[in-house]
C-alpha cells in the first residue's frame, strides 16, 4: 500500500520501529551503565571502608537500644532483689566482671552466688536516675541506686552510684562489666 508522496506503508512502519528500537536500545544502555556505576561505587565504598549511610545506626536504632537496655536494667534490679540468679544469668555475659560496693572483684559465677545469698535480704532495690549512652554495639549505663533490707537481723539502707557496660553480641545485649559504689550522691547527667 502506497501513501501520499509515494511512500510504502510497510516501509514507514519499519522506519518507525527501527527508530523506536534505537531509542529503546539507548535507554537500556543508559540504565545498564547507571546500574553498573552504582554497583562500582558501592563496591569501592565497601573496599575503602566508606560504607553507605544505611550501614550506620540510625537514631531510631539508638533509641531502641536505649529502651532495651533500660528494660534489662530493670530486669536486673527485680532479679537481684528476688535472688533470681537464673534470670540474671540470661543477661550477663559469661566473662562478666563485677566490682562490688566493698571493692571486691567478682566473676559472673561469684556474682550470681552472691545474689542467691543476699537477694532474699533485700526489701527494695531502686534505680533513682539512669543515663544510657549508646556507642554502636556497646553502651554505658550510669545511675544512682537505693537499697534497703535486713542483714543479720539489722535493717540497712545504702545508696550509691553504678556503671554498667553492655555489649550487643549476636543481636543480644549482655552486660560485660558492672561497678557499684556506695556513698554520697549527686546528680547523674
Foldseek 3Di string as FASTA:
>chain_A
DADPPGDDPVVVVVVVVVVVVVVVVVVVVVVVVVVVVVVVVQVVCVVVVNHDPVVADDPVNVVVVVVVVVVVVVQVQVCLLQLNLVSLVVAADQQAWEQEQVRDIDGSVRVSVVSNVCNPFWPGKDWPDWDWDDDGQKIKIKTKIWIWGADPRRIDIWIWMKMWMWGQDPNGIHTRYMYTHTDDDDDDD
